[in-house]
C-alpha cells in the first residue's frame, strides 16, 4: 500500500490593517494579498508569493482568508488582482461576495 501524501500545512494568515494586506510569514519572506477598504466593498489589488514558495497553496490560503474576512464584515469584493479574479470565477461558493459590476462582468447576473 502506498503512503498518502501529508496534508498541506495550515498557513497562519494575519490581517495587517496598517499595511492594508493579508500576510503569511514565511521565515525570511512574506506572502501577501493587498486590499483597499471602501465603504461597502473591499478591493483586492495585488497578491504576491515569493517565487521560492510558489505552488504550495499559499496564494489560495491568502485568498480564502481575505474572502472570509470580507464575508464577516459584510463587504462585497472587487477582484482587481487577476489571481483573485480567477479564484472567484472558479469557486461558486464565494461568488455571492462579488460586487454587482463584477458579477455582471463574469456573466453571473
PDB file of N, CA and C in Angstrom:
ATOM      1  N   UNK A   1       0.842  -1.179   0.000  1.00  0.00           N
ATOM      2  CA  UNK A   1       0.000   0.000   0.000  1.00  0.00           C
ATOM      3  C   UNK A   1       0.891   1.248   0.000  1.00  0.00           C
ATOM      4  N   UNK A   2       0.592   2.178  -0.880  1.00  0.00           N
ATOM      5  CA  UNK A   2       1.388   3.398  -0.983  1.00  0.00           C
ATOM      6  C   UNK A   2       1.043   4.362   0.144  1.00  0.00           C
ATOM      7  N   UNK A   3       2.071   5.084   0.591  1.00  0.00           N
ATOM      8  CA  UNK A   3       1.842   6.096   1.626  1.00  0.00           C
ATOM      9  C   UNK A   3       1.107   7.278   1.031  1.00  0.00           C
ATOM     10  N   UNK A   4       0.195   7.816   1.799  1.00  0.00           N
ATOM     11  CA  UNK A   4      -0.519   9.012   1.359  1.00  0.00           C
ATOM     12  C   UNK A   4       0.352  10.229   1.627  1.00  0.00           C
ATOM     13  N   UNK A   5       0.230  11.220   0.772  1.00  0.00           N
ATOM     14  CA  UNK A   5       0.969  12.468   0.983  1.00  0.00           C
ATOM     15  C   UNK A   5       0.414  13.162   2.220  1.00  0.00           C
ATOM     16  N   UNK A   6       1.272  13.839   2.961  1.00  0.00           N
ATOM     17  CA  UNK A   6       0.777  14.549   4.142  1.00  0.00           C
ATOM     18  C   UNK A   6      -0.149  15.683   3.722  1.00  0.00           C
ATOM     19  N   UNK A   7      -1.076  16.065   4.606  1.00  0.00           N
ATOM     20  CA  UNK A   7      -1.969  17.172   4.254  1.00  0.00           C
ATOM     21  C   UNK A   7      -1.175  18.462   4.127  1.00  0.00           C
ATOM     22  N   UNK A   8      -1.682  19.409   3.334  1.00  0.00           N
ATOM     23  CA  UNK A   8      -0.962  20.680   3.206  1.00  0.00           C
ATOM     24  C   UNK A   8      -0.939  21.399   4.557  1.00  0.00           C
ATOM     25  N   UNK A   9       0.086  22.208   4.788  1.00  0.00           N
ATOM     26  CA  UNK A   9       0.168  22.919   6.067  1.00  0.00           C
ATOM     27  C   UNK A   9      -0.961  23.942   6.204  1.00  0.00           C
ATOM     28  N   UNK A  10      -1.310  24.216   7.432  1.00  0.00           N
ATOM     29  CA  UNK A  10      -2.283  25.273   7.708  1.00  0.00           C
ATOM     30  C   UNK A  10      -1.496  26.565   7.838  1.00  0.00           C
ATOM     31  N   UNK A  11      -1.613  27.413   6.862  1.00  0.00           N
ATOM     32  CA  UNK A  11      -0.880  28.674   6.869  1.00  0.00           C
ATOM     33  C   UNK A  11      -1.550  29.662   7.821  1.00  0.00           C
ATOM     34  N   UNK A  12      -0.770  30.353   8.590  1.00  0.00           N
ATOM     35  CA  UNK A  12      -1.279  31.355   9.518  1.00  0.00           C
ATOM     36  C   UNK A  12      -1.364  32.694   8.791  1.00  0.00           C
ATOM     37  N   UNK A  13      -2.582  33.109   8.490  1.00  0.00           N
ATOM     38  CA  UNK A  13      -2.810  34.363   7.763  1.00  0.00           C
ATOM     39  C   UNK A  13      -3.188  35.436   8.769  1.00  0.00           C
ATOM     40  N   UNK A  14      -2.554  36.595   8.660  1.00  0.00           N
ATOM     41  CA  UNK A  14      -2.928  37.709   9.529  1.00  0.00           C
ATOM     42  C   UNK A  14      -3.305  38.907   8.681  1.00  0.00           C
ATOM     43  N   UNK A  15      -4.241  39.669   9.186  1.00  0.00           N
ATOM     44  CA  UNK A  15      -4.655  40.905   8.519  1.00  0.00           C
ATOM     45  C   UNK A  15      -3.809  42.033   9.077  1.00  0.00           C
ATOM     46  N   UNK A  16      -2.876  42.513   8.278  1.00  0.00           N
ATOM     47  CA  UNK A  16      -2.038  43.644   8.664  1.00  0.00           C
ATOM     48  C   UNK A  16      -2.758  44.900   8.183  1.00  0.00           C
ATOM     49  N   UNK A  17      -3.709  45.380   8.987  1.00  0.00           N
ATOM     50  CA  UNK A  17      -4.553  46.511   8.596  1.00  0.00           C
ATOM     51  C   UNK A  17      -3.738  47.771   8.336  1.00  0.00           C
ATOM     52  N   UNK A  18      -2.644  47.960   9.049  1.00  0.00           N
ATOM     53  CA  UNK A  18      -1.808  49.152   8.860  1.00  0.00           C
ATOM     54  C   UNK A  18      -1.202  49.190   7.457  1.00  0.00           C
ATOM     55  N   UNK A  19      -0.926  48.014   6.899  1.00  0.00           N
ATOM     56  CA  UNK A  19      -0.334  47.937   5.550  1.00  0.00           C
ATOM     57  C   UNK A  19      -1.366  47.547   4.496  1.00  0.00           C
ATOM     58  N   UNK A  20      -2.626  47.391   4.908  1.00  0.00           N
ATOM     59  CA  UNK A  20      -3.727  47.039   4.005  1.00  0.00           C
ATOM     60  C   UNK A  20      -3.432  45.760   3.235  1.00  0.00           C
ATOM     61  N   UNK A  21      -3.089  44.713   3.989  1.00  0.00           N
ATOM     62  CA  UNK A  21      -2.825  43.444   3.327  1.00  0.00           C
ATOM     63  C   UNK A  21      -2.940  42.282   4.294  1.00  0.00           C
ATOM     64  N   UNK A  22      -3.310  41.138   3.734  1.00  0.00           N
ATOM     65  CA  UNK A  22      -3.288  39.879   4.456  1.00  0.00           C
ATOM     66  C   UNK A  22      -1.908  39.289   4.212  1.00  0.00           C
ATOM     67  N   UNK A  23      -1.326  38.687   5.251  1.00  0.00           N
ATOM     68  CA  UNK A  23       0.052  38.218   5.144  1.00  0.00           C
ATOM     69  C   UNK A  23       0.214  36.808   5.696  1.00  0.00           C
ATOM     70  N   UNK A  24       1.207  36.122   5.138  1.00  0.00           N
ATOM     71  CA  UNK A  24       1.686  34.857   5.682  1.00  0.00           C
ATOM     72  C   UNK A  24       3.199  35.001   5.804  1.00  0.00           C
ATOM     73  N   UNK A  25       3.705  34.887   7.032  1.00  0.00           N
ATOM     74  CA  UNK A  25       5.149  34.938   7.272  1.00  0.00           C
ATOM     75  C   UNK A  25       5.760  33.608   6.853  1.00  0.00           C
ATOM     76  N   UNK A  26       6.821  33.702   6.069  1.00  0.00           N
ATOM     77  CA  UNK A  26       7.472  32.502   5.535  1.00  0.00           C
ATOM     78  C   UNK A  26       8.949  32.473   5.933  1.00  0.00           C
ATOM     79  N   UNK A  27       9.229  32.765   7.172  1.00  0.00           N
ATOM     80  CA  UNK A  27      10.619  32.807   7.615  1.00  0.00           C
ATOM     81  C   UNK A  27      11.269  34.099   7.167  1.00  0.00           C
ATOM     82  N   UNK A  28      12.060  34.016   6.117  1.00  0.00           N
ATOM     83  CA  UNK A  28      12.778  35.194   5.627  1.00  0.00           C
ATOM     84  C   UNK A  28      11.990  35.982   4.585  1.00  0.00           C
ATOM     85  N   UNK A  29      10.767  35.590   4.310  1.00  0.00           N
ATOM     86  CA  UNK A  29       9.949  36.270   3.290  1.00  0.00           C
ATOM     87  C   UNK A  29       8.501  36.355   3.770  1.00  0.00           C
ATOM     88  N   UNK A  30       7.721  37.130   3.041  1.00  0.00           N
ATOM     89  CA  UNK A  30       6.302  37.281   3.359  1.00  0.00           C
ATOM     90  C   UNK A  30       5.490  37.212   2.076  1.00  0.00           C
ATOM     91  N   UNK A  31       4.438  36.413   2.107  1.00  0.00           N
ATOM     92  CA  UNK A  31       3.461  36.392   1.013  1.00  0.00           C
ATOM     93  C   UNK A  31       2.330  37.312   1.450  1.00  0.00           C
ATOM     94  N   UNK A  32       1.716  37.995   0.493  1.00  0.00           N
ATOM     95  CA  UNK A  32       0.666  38.940   0.882  1.00  0.00           C
ATOM     96  C   UNK A  32      -0.366  39.135  -0.212  1.00  0.00           C
ATOM     97  N   UNK A  33      -1.537  39.595   0.226  1.00  0.00           N
ATOM     98  CA  UNK A  33      -2.633  39.982  -0.666  1.00  0.00           C
ATOM     99  C   UNK A  33      -3.066  41.376  -0.219  1.00  0.00           C
ATOM    100  N   UNK A  34      -2.805  42.362  -1.067  1.00  0.00           N
ATOM    101  CA  UNK A  34      -3.124  43.747  -0.735  1.00  0.00           C
ATOM    102  C   UNK A  34      -4.589  44.062  -1.010  1.00  0.00           C
ATOM    103  N   UNK A  35      -5.126  45.002  -0.230  1.00  0.00           N
ATOM    104  CA  UNK A  35      -6.517  45.402  -0.402  1.00  0.00           C
ATOM    105  C   UNK A  35      -6.701  46.868  -0.059  1.00  0.00           C
ATOM    106  N   UNK A  36      -7.801  47.423  -0.551  1.00  0.00           N
ATOM    107  CA  UNK A  36      -8.253  48.757  -0.174  1.00  0.00           C
ATOM    108  C   UNK A  36      -9.678  48.607   0.327  1.00  0.00           C
ATOM    109  N   UNK A  37      -9.934  49.160   1.494  1.00  0.00           N
ATOM    110  CA  UNK A  37     -11.294  49.126   2.035  1.00  0.00           C
ATOM    111  C   UNK A  37     -12.077  50.322   1.528  1.00  0.00           C
ATOM    112  N   UNK A  38     -13.268  50.068   1.037  1.00  0.00           N
ATOM    113  CA  UNK A  38     -14.184  51.108   0.610  1.00  0.00           C
ATOM    114  C   UNK A  38     -15.364  51.072   1.577  1.00  0.00           C
ATOM    115  N   UNK A  39     -16.363  51.878   1.361  1.00  0.00           N
ATOM    116  CA  UNK A  39     -17.468  51.935   2.329  1.00  0.00           C
ATOM    117  C   UNK A  39     -18.199  50.601   2.486  1.00  0.00           C
ATOM    118  N   UNK A  40     -18.500  49.925   1.388  1.00  0.00           N
ATOM    119  CA  UNK A  40     -19.223  48.647   1.462  1.00  0.00           C
ATOM    120  C   UNK A  40     -18.519  47.538   0.682  1.00  0.00           C
ATOM    121  N   UNK A  41     -17.308  47.821   0.277  1.00  0.00           N
ATOM    122  CA  UNK A  41     -16.577  46.872  -0.561  1.00  0.00           C
ATOM    123  C   UNK A  41     -15.126  46.770  -0.099  1.00  0.00           C
ATOM    124  N   UNK A  42     -14.509  45.691  -0.555  1.00  0.00           N
ATOM    125  CA  UNK A  42     -13.071  45.529  -0.368  1.00  0.00           C
ATOM    126  C   UNK A  42     -12.485  45.218  -1.739  1.00  0.00           C
ATOM    127  N   UNK A  43     -11.522  46.017  -2.140  1.00  0.00           N
ATOM    128  CA  UNK A  43     -10.894  45.875  -3.453  1.00  0.00           C
ATOM    129  C   UNK A  43      -9.576  45.120  -3.268  1.00  0.00           C
ATOM    130  N   UNK A  44      -9.489  43.957  -3.893  1.00  0.00           N
ATOM    131  CA  UNK A  44      -8.272  43.152  -3.830  1.00  0.00           C
ATOM    132  C   UNK A  44      -7.391  43.542  -5.015  1.00  0.00           C
ATOM    133  N   UNK A  45      -6.248  44.150  -4.713  1.00  0.00           N
ATOM    134  CA  UNK A  45      -5.455  44.781  -5.765  1.00  0.00           C
ATOM    135  C   UNK A  45      -4.219  44.009  -6.222  1.00  0.00           C
ATOM    136  N   UNK A  46      -3.626  43.235  -5.341  1.00  0.00           N
ATOM    137  CA  UNK A  46      -2.371  42.572  -5.724  1.00  0.00           C
ATOM    138  C   UNK A  46      -2.077  41.426  -4.761  1.00  0.00           C
ATOM    139  N   UNK A  47      -1.646  40.307  -5.299  1.00  0.00           N
ATOM    140  CA  UNK A  47      -1.239  39.158  -4.485  1.00  0.00           C
ATOM    141  C   UNK A  47       0.170  38.773  -4.903  1.00  0.00           C
ATOM    142  N   UNK A  48       1.009  38.512  -3.909  1.00  0.00           N
ATOM    143  CA  UNK A  48       2.390  38.153  -4.216  1.00  0.00           C
ATOM    144  C   UNK A  48       2.873  37.040  -3.292  1.00  0.00           C
ATOM    145  N   UNK A  49       3.390  35.985  -3.909  1.00  0.00           N
ATOM    146  CA  UNK A  49       4.014  34.883  -3.197  1.00  0.00           C
ATOM    147  C   UNK A  49       5.446  34.807  -3.709  1.00  0.00           C
ATOM    148  N   UNK A  50       6.441  34.836  -2.808  1.00  0.00           N
ATOM    149  CA  UNK A  50       7.829  34.748  -3.268  1.00  0.00           C
ATOM    150  C   UNK A  50       8.030  33.515  -4.148  1.00  0.00           C
ATOM    151  N   UNK A  51       8.789  33.644  -5.228  1.00  0.00           N
ATOM    152  CA  UNK A  51       8.960  32.538  -6.183  1.00  0.00           C
ATOM    153  C   UNK A  51       9.351  31.207  -5.545  1.00  0.00           C
ATOM    154  N   UNK A  52      10.199  31.257  -4.527  1.00  0.00           N
ATOM    155  CA  UNK A  52      10.641  30.002  -3.897  1.00  0.00           C
ATOM    156  C   UNK A  52       9.534  29.320  -3.098  1.00  0.00           C
ATOM    157  N   UNK A  53       8.405  30.004  -2.921  1.00  0.00           N
ATOM    158  CA  UNK A  53       7.286  29.436  -2.167  1.00  0.00           C
ATOM    159  C   UNK A  53       6.045  29.196  -3.034  1.00  0.00           C
ATOM    160  N   UNK A  54       6.165  29.406  -4.330  1.00  0.00           N
ATOM    161  CA  UNK A  54       5.018  29.197  -5.216  1.00  0.00           C
ATOM    162  C   UNK A  54       4.655  27.721  -5.306  1.00  0.00           C
ATOM    163  N   UNK A  55       3.390  27.455  -5.604  1.00  0.00           N
ATOM    164  CA  UNK A  55       2.934  26.089  -5.798  1.00  0.00           C
ATOM    165  C   UNK A  55       2.665  25.310  -4.523  1.00  0.00           C
ATOM    166  N   UNK A  56       2.607  25.995  -3.393  1.00  0.00           N
ATOM    167  CA  UNK A  56       2.392  25.334  -2.102  1.00  0.00           C
ATOM    168  C   UNK A  56       1.018  25.639  -1.510  1.00  0.00           C
ATOM    169  N   UNK A  57       0.184  26.352  -2.259  1.00  0.00           N
ATOM    170  CA  UNK A  57      -1.143  26.681  -1.752  1.00  0.00           C
ATOM    171  C   UNK A  57      -1.208  27.958  -0.936  1.00  0.00           C
ATOM    172  N   UNK A  58      -0.127  28.697  -0.917  1.00  0.00           N
ATOM    173  CA  UNK A  58      -0.062  29.912  -0.100  1.00  0.00           C
ATOM    174  C   UNK A  58      -0.990  30.992  -0.645  1.00  0.00           C
ATOM    175  N   UNK A  59      -0.989  31.183  -1.951  1.00  0.00           N
ATOM    176  CA  UNK A  59      -1.870  32.189  -2.557  1.00  0.00           C
ATOM    177  C   UNK A  59      -3.333  31.878  -2.284  1.00  0.00           C
ATOM    178  N   UNK A  60      -3.707  30.623  -2.410  1.00  0.00           N
ATOM    179  CA  UNK A  60      -5.082  30.216  -2.125  1.00  0.00           C
ATOM    180  C   UNK A  60      -5.453  30.456  -0.676  1.00  0.00           C
ATOM    181  N   UNK A  61      -4.519  30.196   0.234  1.00  0.00           N
ATOM    182  CA  UNK A  61      -4.779  30.430   1.660  1.00  0.00           C
ATOM    183  C   UNK A  61      -5.010  31.916   1.925  1.00  0.00           C
ATOM    184  N   UNK A  62      -4.235  32.766   1.274  1.00  0.00           N
ATOM    185  CA  UNK A  62      -4.431  34.214   1.418  1.00  0.00           C
ATOM    186  C   UNK A  62      -5.816  34.625   0.924  1.00  0.00           C
ATOM    187  N   UNK A  63      -6.194  34.110  -0.232  1.00  0.00           N
ATOM    188  CA  UNK A  63      -7.490  34.458  -0.809  1.00  0.00           C
ATOM    189  C   UNK A  63      -8.629  33.967   0.075  1.00  0.00           C
ATOM    190  N   UNK A  64      -8.558  32.729   0.526  1.00  0.00           N
ATOM    191  CA  UNK A  64      -9.630  32.207   1.383  1.00  0.00           C
ATOM    192  C   UNK A  64      -9.781  33.030   2.658  1.00  0.00           C
ATOM    193  N   UNK A  65      -8.668  33.409   3.275  1.00  0.00           N
ATOM    194  CA  UNK A  65      -8.728  34.223   4.496  1.00  0.00           C
ATOM    195  C   UNK A  65      -9.293  35.606   4.199  1.00  0.00           C
ATOM    196  N   UNK A  66      -8.876  36.204   3.089  1.00  0.00           N
ATOM    197  CA  UNK A  66      -9.360  37.539   2.725  1.00  0.00           C
ATOM    198  C   UNK A  66     -10.862  37.515   2.437  1.00  0.00           C
ATOM    199  N   UNK A  67     -11.317  36.498   1.740  1.00  0.00           N
ATOM    200  CA  UNK A  67     -12.743  36.402   1.429  1.00  0.00           C
ATOM    201  C   UNK A  67     -13.566  36.082   2.679  1.00  0.00           C
ATOM    202  N   UNK A  68     -13.014  35.282   3.584  1.00  0.00           N
ATOM    203  CA  UNK A  68     -13.709  35.019   4.846  1.00  0.00           C
ATOM    204  C   UNK A  68     -13.853  36.314   5.640  1.00  0.00           C
ATOM    205  N   UNK A  69     -12.825  37.138   5.620  1.00  0.00           N
ATOM    206  CA  UNK A  69     -12.878  38.433   6.303  1.00  0.00           C
ATOM    207  C   UNK A  69     -13.930  39.337   5.663  1.00  0.00           C
ATOM    208  N   UNK A  70     -13.972  39.353   4.332  1.00  0.00           N
ATOM    209  CA  UNK A  70     -14.977  40.157   3.626  1.00  0.00           C
ATOM    210  C   UNK A  70     -16.379  39.706   4.024  1.00  0.00           C
ATOM    211  N   UNK A  71     -16.585  38.400   4.074  1.00  0.00           N
ATOM    212  CA  UNK A  71     -17.899  37.856   4.453  1.00  0.00           C
ATOM    213  C   UNK A  71     -18.264  38.277   5.882  1.00  0.00           C
ATOM    214  N   UNK A  72     -17.319  38.149   6.802  1.00  0.00           N
ATOM    215  CA  UNK A  72     -17.565  38.537   8.200  1.00  0.00           C
ATOM    216  C   UNK A  72     -17.910  40.014   8.333  1.00  0.00           C
ATOM    217  N   UNK A  73     -17.303  40.842   7.507  1.00  0.00           N
ATOM    218  CA  UNK A  73     -17.516  42.292   7.563  1.00  0.00           C
ATOM    219  C   UNK A  73     -18.719  42.748   6.738  1.00  0.00           C
ATOM    220  N   UNK A  74     -19.315  41.829   5.984  1.00  0.00           N
ATOM    221  CA  UNK A  74     -20.441  42.197   5.134  1.00  0.00           C
ATOM    222  C   UNK A  74     -20.042  43.035   3.933  1.00  0.00           C
ATOM    223  N   UNK A  75     -18.828  42.786   3.414  1.00  0.00           N
ATOM    224  CA  UNK A  75     -18.309  43.555   2.282  1.00  0.00           C
ATOM    225  C   UNK A  75     -18.403  42.757   0.991  1.00  0.00           C
ATOM    226  N   UNK A  76     -18.598  43.452  -0.111  1.00  0.00           N
ATOM    227  CA  UNK A  76     -18.549  42.840  -1.437  1.00  0.00           C
ATOM    228  C   UNK A  76     -17.138  43.002  -1.987  1.00  0.00           C
ATOM    229  N   UNK A  77     -16.682  42.008  -2.730  1.00  0.00           N
ATOM    230  CA  UNK A  77     -15.325  42.006  -3.253  1.00  0.00           C
ATOM    231  C   UNK A  77     -15.223  42.549  -4.665  1.00  0.00           C
ATOM    232  N   UNK A  78     -14.155  43.289  -4.885  1.00  0.00           N
ATOM    233  CA  UNK A  78     -13.792  43.794  -6.211  1.00  0.00           C
ATOM    234  C   UNK A  78     -12.421  43.200  -6.520  1.00  0.00           C
ATOM    235  N   UNK A  79     -12.362  42.143  -7.348  1.00  0.00           N
ATOM    236  CA  UNK A  79     -11.104  41.446  -7.597  1.00  0.00           C
ATOM    237  C   UNK A  79     -10.278  42.050  -8.743  1.00  0.00           C
ATOM    238  N   UNK A  80      -9.622  43.160  -8.466  1.00  0.00           N
ATOM    239  CA  UNK A  80      -8.742  43.785  -9.460  1.00  0.00           C
ATOM    240  C   UNK A  80      -7.553  42.865  -9.760  1.00  0.00           C
ATOM    241  N   UNK A  81      -7.048  42.209  -8.736  1.00  0.00           N
ATOM    242  CA  UNK A  81      -5.934  41.271  -8.889  1.00  0.00           C
ATOM    243  C   UNK A  81      -6.380  40.086  -9.744  1.00  0.00           C
ATOM    244  N   UNK A  82      -5.653  39.761 -10.809  1.00  0.00           N
ATOM    245  CA  UNK A  82      -6.034  38.639 -11.671  1.00  0.00           C
ATOM    246  C   UNK A  82      -6.117  37.300 -10.936  1.00  0.00           C
ATOM    247  N   UNK A  83      -5.286  37.101  -9.934  1.00  0.00           N
ATOM    248  CA  UNK A  83      -5.296  35.860  -9.161  1.00  0.00           C
ATOM    249  C   UNK A  83      -6.603  35.744  -8.380  1.00  0.00           C
ATOM    250  N   UNK A  84      -7.030  36.843  -7.746  1.00  0.00           N
ATOM    251  CA  UNK A  84      -8.308  36.869  -7.041  1.00  0.00           C
ATOM    252  C   UNK A  84      -9.463  36.651  -8.020  1.00  0.00           C
ATOM    253  N   UNK A  85      -9.419  37.342  -9.148  1.00  0.00           N
ATOM    254  CA  UNK A  85     -10.499  37.233 -10.131  1.00  0.00           C
ATOM    255  C   UNK A  85     -10.649  35.792 -10.609  1.00  0.00           C
ATOM    256  N   UNK A  86      -9.535  35.142 -10.929  1.00  0.00           N
ATOM    257  CA  UNK A  86      -9.586  33.754 -11.402  1.00  0.00           C
ATOM    258  C   UNK A  86     -10.143  32.837 -10.320  1.00  0.00           C
ATOM    259  N   UNK A  87      -9.731  33.043  -9.081  1.00  0.00           N
ATOM    260  CA  UNK A  87     -10.221  32.221  -7.977  1.00  0.00           C
ATOM    261  C   UNK A  87     -11.731  32.384  -7.833  1.00  0.00           C
ATOM    262  N   UNK A  88     -12.197  33.614  -7.848  1.00  0.00           N
ATOM    263  CA  UNK A  88     -13.620  33.875  -7.639  1.00  0.00           C
ATOM    264  C   UNK A  88     -14.461  33.370  -8.805  1.00  0.00           C
ATOM    265  N   UNK A  89     -13.913  33.373 -10.008  1.00  0.00           N
ATOM    266  CA  UNK A  89     -14.635  32.823 -11.151  1.00  0.00           C
ATOM    267  C   UNK A  89     -14.788  31.312 -11.022  1.00  0.00           C
ATOM    268  N   UNK A  90     -13.774  30.637 -10.485  1.00  0.00           N
ATOM    269  CA  UNK A  90     -13.770  29.176 -10.401  1.00  0.00           C
ATOM    270  C   UNK A  90     -14.536  28.632  -9.202  1.00  0.00           C
ATOM    271  N   UNK A  91     -14.740  29.439  -8.167  1.00  0.00           N
ATOM    272  CA  UNK A  91     -15.319  28.944  -6.920  1.00  0.00           C
ATOM    273  C   UNK A  91     -16.692  29.560  -6.665  1.00  0.00           C
ATOM    274  N   UNK A  92     -17.718  28.815  -7.044  1.00  0.00           N
ATOM    275  CA  UNK A  92     -19.098  29.298  -6.910  1.00  0.00           C
ATOM    276  C   UNK A  92     -19.454  29.659  -5.476  1.00  0.00           C
ATOM    277  N   UNK A  93     -18.829  28.994  -4.509  1.00  0.00           N
ATOM    278  CA  UNK A  93     -19.164  29.237  -3.104  1.00  0.00           C
ATOM    279  C   UNK A  93     -18.786  30.636  -2.610  1.00  0.00           C
ATOM    280  N   UNK A  94     -17.975  31.374  -3.380  1.00  0.00           N
ATOM    281  CA  UNK A  94     -17.606  32.742  -2.970  1.00  0.00           C
ATOM    282  C   UNK A  94     -18.159  33.803  -3.918  1.00  0.00           C
ATOM    283  N   UNK A  95     -18.850  33.379  -4.958  1.00  0.00           N
ATOM    284  CA  UNK A  95     -19.331  34.348  -5.949  1.00  0.00           C
ATOM    285  C   UNK A  95     -20.394  35.290  -5.410  1.00  0.00           C
ATOM    286  N   UNK A  96     -21.050  34.911  -4.316  1.00  0.00           N
ATOM    287  CA  UNK A  96     -22.011  35.827  -3.700  1.00  0.00           C
ATOM    288  C   UNK A  96     -21.312  37.050  -3.111  1.00  0.00           C
ATOM    289  N   UNK A  97     -20.008  36.968  -2.929  1.00  0.00           N
ATOM    290  CA  UNK A  97     -19.238  38.095  -2.390  1.00  0.00           C
ATOM    291  C   UNK A  97     -18.845  39.107  -3.457  1.00  0.00           C
ATOM    292  N   UNK A  98     -19.053  38.762  -4.716  1.00  0.00           N
ATOM    293  CA  UNK A  98     -18.663  39.676  -5.792  1.00  0.00           C
ATOM    294  C   UNK A  98     -19.540  40.925  -5.818  1.00  0.00           C
ATOM    295  N   UNK A  99     -18.901  42.046  -6.034  1.00  0.00           N
ATOM    296  CA  UNK A  99     -19.599  43.300  -6.277  1.00  0.00           C
ATOM    297  C   UNK A  99     -20.481  43.124  -7.521  1.00  0.00           C
ATOM    298  N   UNK A 100     -21.606  43.820  -7.567  1.00  0.00           N
ATOM    299  CA  UNK A 100     -22.572  43.661  -8.666  1.00  0.00           C
ATOM    300  C   UNK A 100     -21.938  43.841 -10.047  1.00  0.00           C
ATOM    301  N   UNK A 101     -21.073  44.829 -10.204  1.00  0.00           N
ATOM    302  CA  UNK A 101     -20.432  45.058 -11.510  1.00  0.00           C
ATOM    303  C   UNK A 101     -19.569  43.868 -11.919  1.00  0.00           C
ATOM    304  N   UNK A 102     -18.910  43.246 -10.949  1.00  0.00           N
ATOM    305  CA  UNK A 102     -18.067  42.093 -11.252  1.00  0.00           C
ATOM    306  C   UNK A 102     -18.906  40.841 -11.495  1.00  0.00           C
ATOM    307  N   UNK A 103     -20.032  40.729 -10.838  1.00  0.00           N
ATOM    308  CA  UNK A 103     -20.935  39.606 -11.133  1.00  0.00           C
ATOM    309  C   UNK A 103     -21.368  39.683 -12.591  1.00  0.00           C
ATOM    310  N   UNK A 104     -21.692  40.890 -13.028  1.00  0.00           N
ATOM    311  CA  UNK A 104     -22.103  41.088 -14.415  1.00  0.00           C
ATOM    312  C   UNK A 104     -20.945  40.794 -15.360  1.00  0.00           C
ATOM    313  N   UNK A 105     -19.754  41.269 -15.013  1.00  0.00           N
ATOM    314  CA  UNK A 105     -18.551  41.042 -15.830  1.00  0.00           C
ATOM    315  C   UNK A 105     -18.277  39.556 -16.015  1.00  0.00           C
ATOM    316  N   UNK A 106     -18.530  38.776 -14.962  1.00  0.00           N
ATOM    317  CA  UNK A 106     -18.300  37.324 -15.013  1.00  0.00           C
ATOM    318  C   UNK A 106     -19.488  36.564 -15.571  1.00  0.00           C
ATOM    319  N   UNK A 107     -20.534  37.287 -15.974  1.00  0.00           N
ATOM    320  CA  UNK A 107     -21.712  36.650 -16.553  1.00  0.00           C
ATOM    321  C   UNK A 107     -22.570  35.906 -15.564  1.00  0.00           C
ATOM    322  N   UNK A 108     -22.569  36.347 -14.315  1.00  0.00           N
ATOM    323  CA  UNK A 108     -23.337  35.673 -13.261  1.00  0.00           C
ATOM    324  C   UNK A 108     -24.720  36.274 -13.060  1.00  0.00           C
ATOM    325  N   UNK A 109     -24.957  37.436 -13.595  1.00  0.00           N
ATOM    326  CA  UNK A 109     -26.283  38.088 -13.467  1.00  0.00           C
ATOM    327  C   UNK A 109     -26.852  38.369 -14.844  1.00  0.00           C
TER     328      UNK A 109
END
